[in-house]
Amino acid sequence: MPQLDTSTWFIIILSMIMTLFIVFQLKISKHLYPGNPEPKSTVMLKQPNPWEKKWTKIYSPLSLPLQ
């Protein structure tokens, strides 16, 4: 059975890694990154909650009539 010739494996692997590196560099360089975002205002606007519009009565256990 013939021996496997591994003398070219180093060059093939090295060229494959370099090719992948170049391809990824080209892909990344074509990507458009957004500009610096503007800082948002930290003042929060009060949003009315649905339960704040209605009148609700909370019964405390101590104020309930004795049974």
C-alpha atoms as a PDB file:
ATOM      1  CA  MET A   1       0.000   0.000   0.000  1.00  0.00           C
ATOM      2  CA  PRO A   2       1.485   3.356  -1.018  1.00  0.00           C
ATOM      3  CA  GLN A   3       2.380   5.980   1.550  1.00  0.00           C
ATOM      4  CA  LEU A   4       0.318   9.180   1.717  1.00  0.00           C
ATOM      5  CA  ASP A   5       2.334  12.139   0.454  1.00  0.00           C
ATOM      6  CA  THR A   6       2.005  14.892   3.080  1.00  0.00           C
ATOM      7  CA  SER A   7       4.742  17.156   1.792  1.00  0.00           C
ATOM      8  CA  THR A   8       2.286  19.685   0.280  1.00  0.00           C
ATOM      9  CA  TRP A   9      -0.138  19.807   3.186  1.00  0.00           C
ATOM     10  CA  PHE A  10       1.629  22.686   4.931  1.00  0.00           C
ATOM     11  CA  ILE A  11       1.466  24.920   1.824  1.00  0.00           C
ATOM     12  CA  ILE A  12      -2.171  24.003   1.179  1.00  0.00           C
ATOM     13  CA  ILE A  13      -3.249  24.696   4.750  1.00  0.00           C
ATOM     14  CA  LEU A  14      -1.278  27.926   4.903  1.00  0.00           C
ATOM     15  CA  SER A  15      -2.724  29.192   1.619  1.00  0.00           C
ATOM     16  CA  MET A  16      -6.247  28.234   2.746  1.00  0.00           C
ATOM     17  CA  ILE A  17      -5.868  30.208   5.985  1.00  0.00           C
ATOM     18  CA  MET A  18      -4.501  33.237   4.131  1.00  0.00           C
ATOM     19  CA  THR A  19      -7.334  33.065   1.583  1.00  0.00           C
ATOM     20  CA  LEU A  20      -9.963  32.877   4.324  1.00  0.00           C
ATOM     21  CA  PHE A  21      -8.361  35.817   6.105  1.00  0.00           C
ATOM     22  CA  ILE A  22      -8.385  37.923   2.916  1.00  0.00           C
ATOM     23  CA  VAL A  23     -11.992  37.004   2.100  1.00  0.00           C
ATOM     24  CA  PHE A  24     -13.167  37.934   5.599  1.00  0.00           C
ATOM     25  CA  GLN A  25     -11.220  41.183   5.504  1.00  0.00           C
ATOM     26  CA  LEU A  26     -12.898  42.098   2.222  1.00  0.00           C
ATOM     27  CA  LYS A  27     -16.330  41.226   3.600  1.00  0.00           C
ATOM     28  CA  ILE A  28     -15.781  43.293   6.740  1.00  0.00           C
ATOM     29  CA  SER A  29     -14.396  46.268   4.829  1.00  0.00           C
ATOM     30  CA  LYS A  30     -17.552  46.465   2.659  1.00  0.00           C
ATOM     31  CA  HIS A  31     -19.829  46.542   5.695  1.00  0.00           C
ATOM     32  CA  LEU A  32     -21.287  49.990   6.414  1.00  0.00           C
ATOM     33  CA  TYR A  33     -21.152  50.815  10.087  1.00  0.00           C
ATOM     34  CA  PRO A  34     -23.593  53.396  11.499  1.00  0.00           C
ATOM     35  CA  GLY A  35     -22.263  56.700  12.729  1.00  0.00           C
ATOM     36  CA  ASN A  36     -21.955  57.657  16.357  1.00  0.00           C
ATOM     37  CA  PRO A  37     -25.416  57.597  17.946  1.00  0.00           C
ATOM     38  CA  GLU A  38     -26.750  60.765  19.454  1.00  0.00           C
ATOM     39  CA  PRO A  39     -27.238  60.655  23.234  1.00  0.00           C
ATOM     40  CA  LYS A  40     -30.894  60.263  24.130  1.00  0.00           C
ATOM     41  CA  SER A  41     -32.636  62.494  26.583  1.00  0.00           C
ATOM     42  CA  THR A  42     -32.848  60.870  29.996  1.00  0.00           C
ATOM     43  CA  VAL A  43     -36.053  62.723  30.884  1.00  0.00           C
ATOM     44  CA  MET A  44     -38.826  60.152  30.915  1.00  0.00           C
ATOM     45  CA  LEU A  45     -42.302  61.148  29.837  1.00  0.00           C
ATOM     46  CA  LYS A  46     -45.060  60.060  32.186  1.00  0.00           C
ATOM     47  CA  GLN A  47     -47.250  57.513  30.458  1.00  0.00           C
ATOM     48  CA  PRO A  48     -50.658  57.124  32.077  1.00  0.00           C
ATOM     49  CA  ASN A  49     -51.358  53.546  33.046  1.00  0.00           C
ATOM     50  CA  PRO A  50     -54.856  52.196  32.367  1.00  0.00           C
ATOM     51  CA  TRP A  51     -55.433  51.551  36.061  1.00  0.00           C
ATOM     52  CA  GLU A  52     -54.576  55.151  36.938  1.00  0.00           C
ATOM     53  CA  LYS A  53     -57.502  56.440  34.878  1.00  0.00           C
ATOM     54  CA  LYS A  54     -60.080  54.522  36.902  1.00  0.00           C
ATOM     55  CA  TRP A  55     -61.043  55.064  40.500  1.00  0.00           C
ATOM     56  CA  THR A  56     -60.341  52.005  42.550  1.00  0.00           C
ATOM     57  CA  LYS A  57     -60.953  51.433  46.205  1.00  0.00           C
ATOM     58  CA  ILE A  58     -58.508  49.274  48.110  1.00  0.00           C
ATOM     59  CA  TYR A  59     -59.965  47.484  51.074  1.00  0.00           C
ATOM     60  CA  SER A  60     -57.625  47.018  53.957  1.00  0.00           C
ATOM     61  CA  PRO A  61     -58.204  43.780  55.918  1.00  0.00           C
ATOM     62  CA  LEU A  62     -58.555  45.827  59.085  1.00  0.00           C
ATOM     63  CA  SER A  63     -61.333  47.984  57.667  1.00  0.00           C
ATOM     64  CA  LEU A  64     -63.515  45.061  56.595  1.00  0.00           C
ATOM     65  CA  PRO A  65     -66.471  44.256  58.808  1.00  0.00           C
ATOM     66  CA  LEU A  66     -66.004  41.432  61.254  1.00  0.00           C
ATOM     67  CA  GLN A  67     -67.614  38.196  60.280  1.00  0.00           C
END
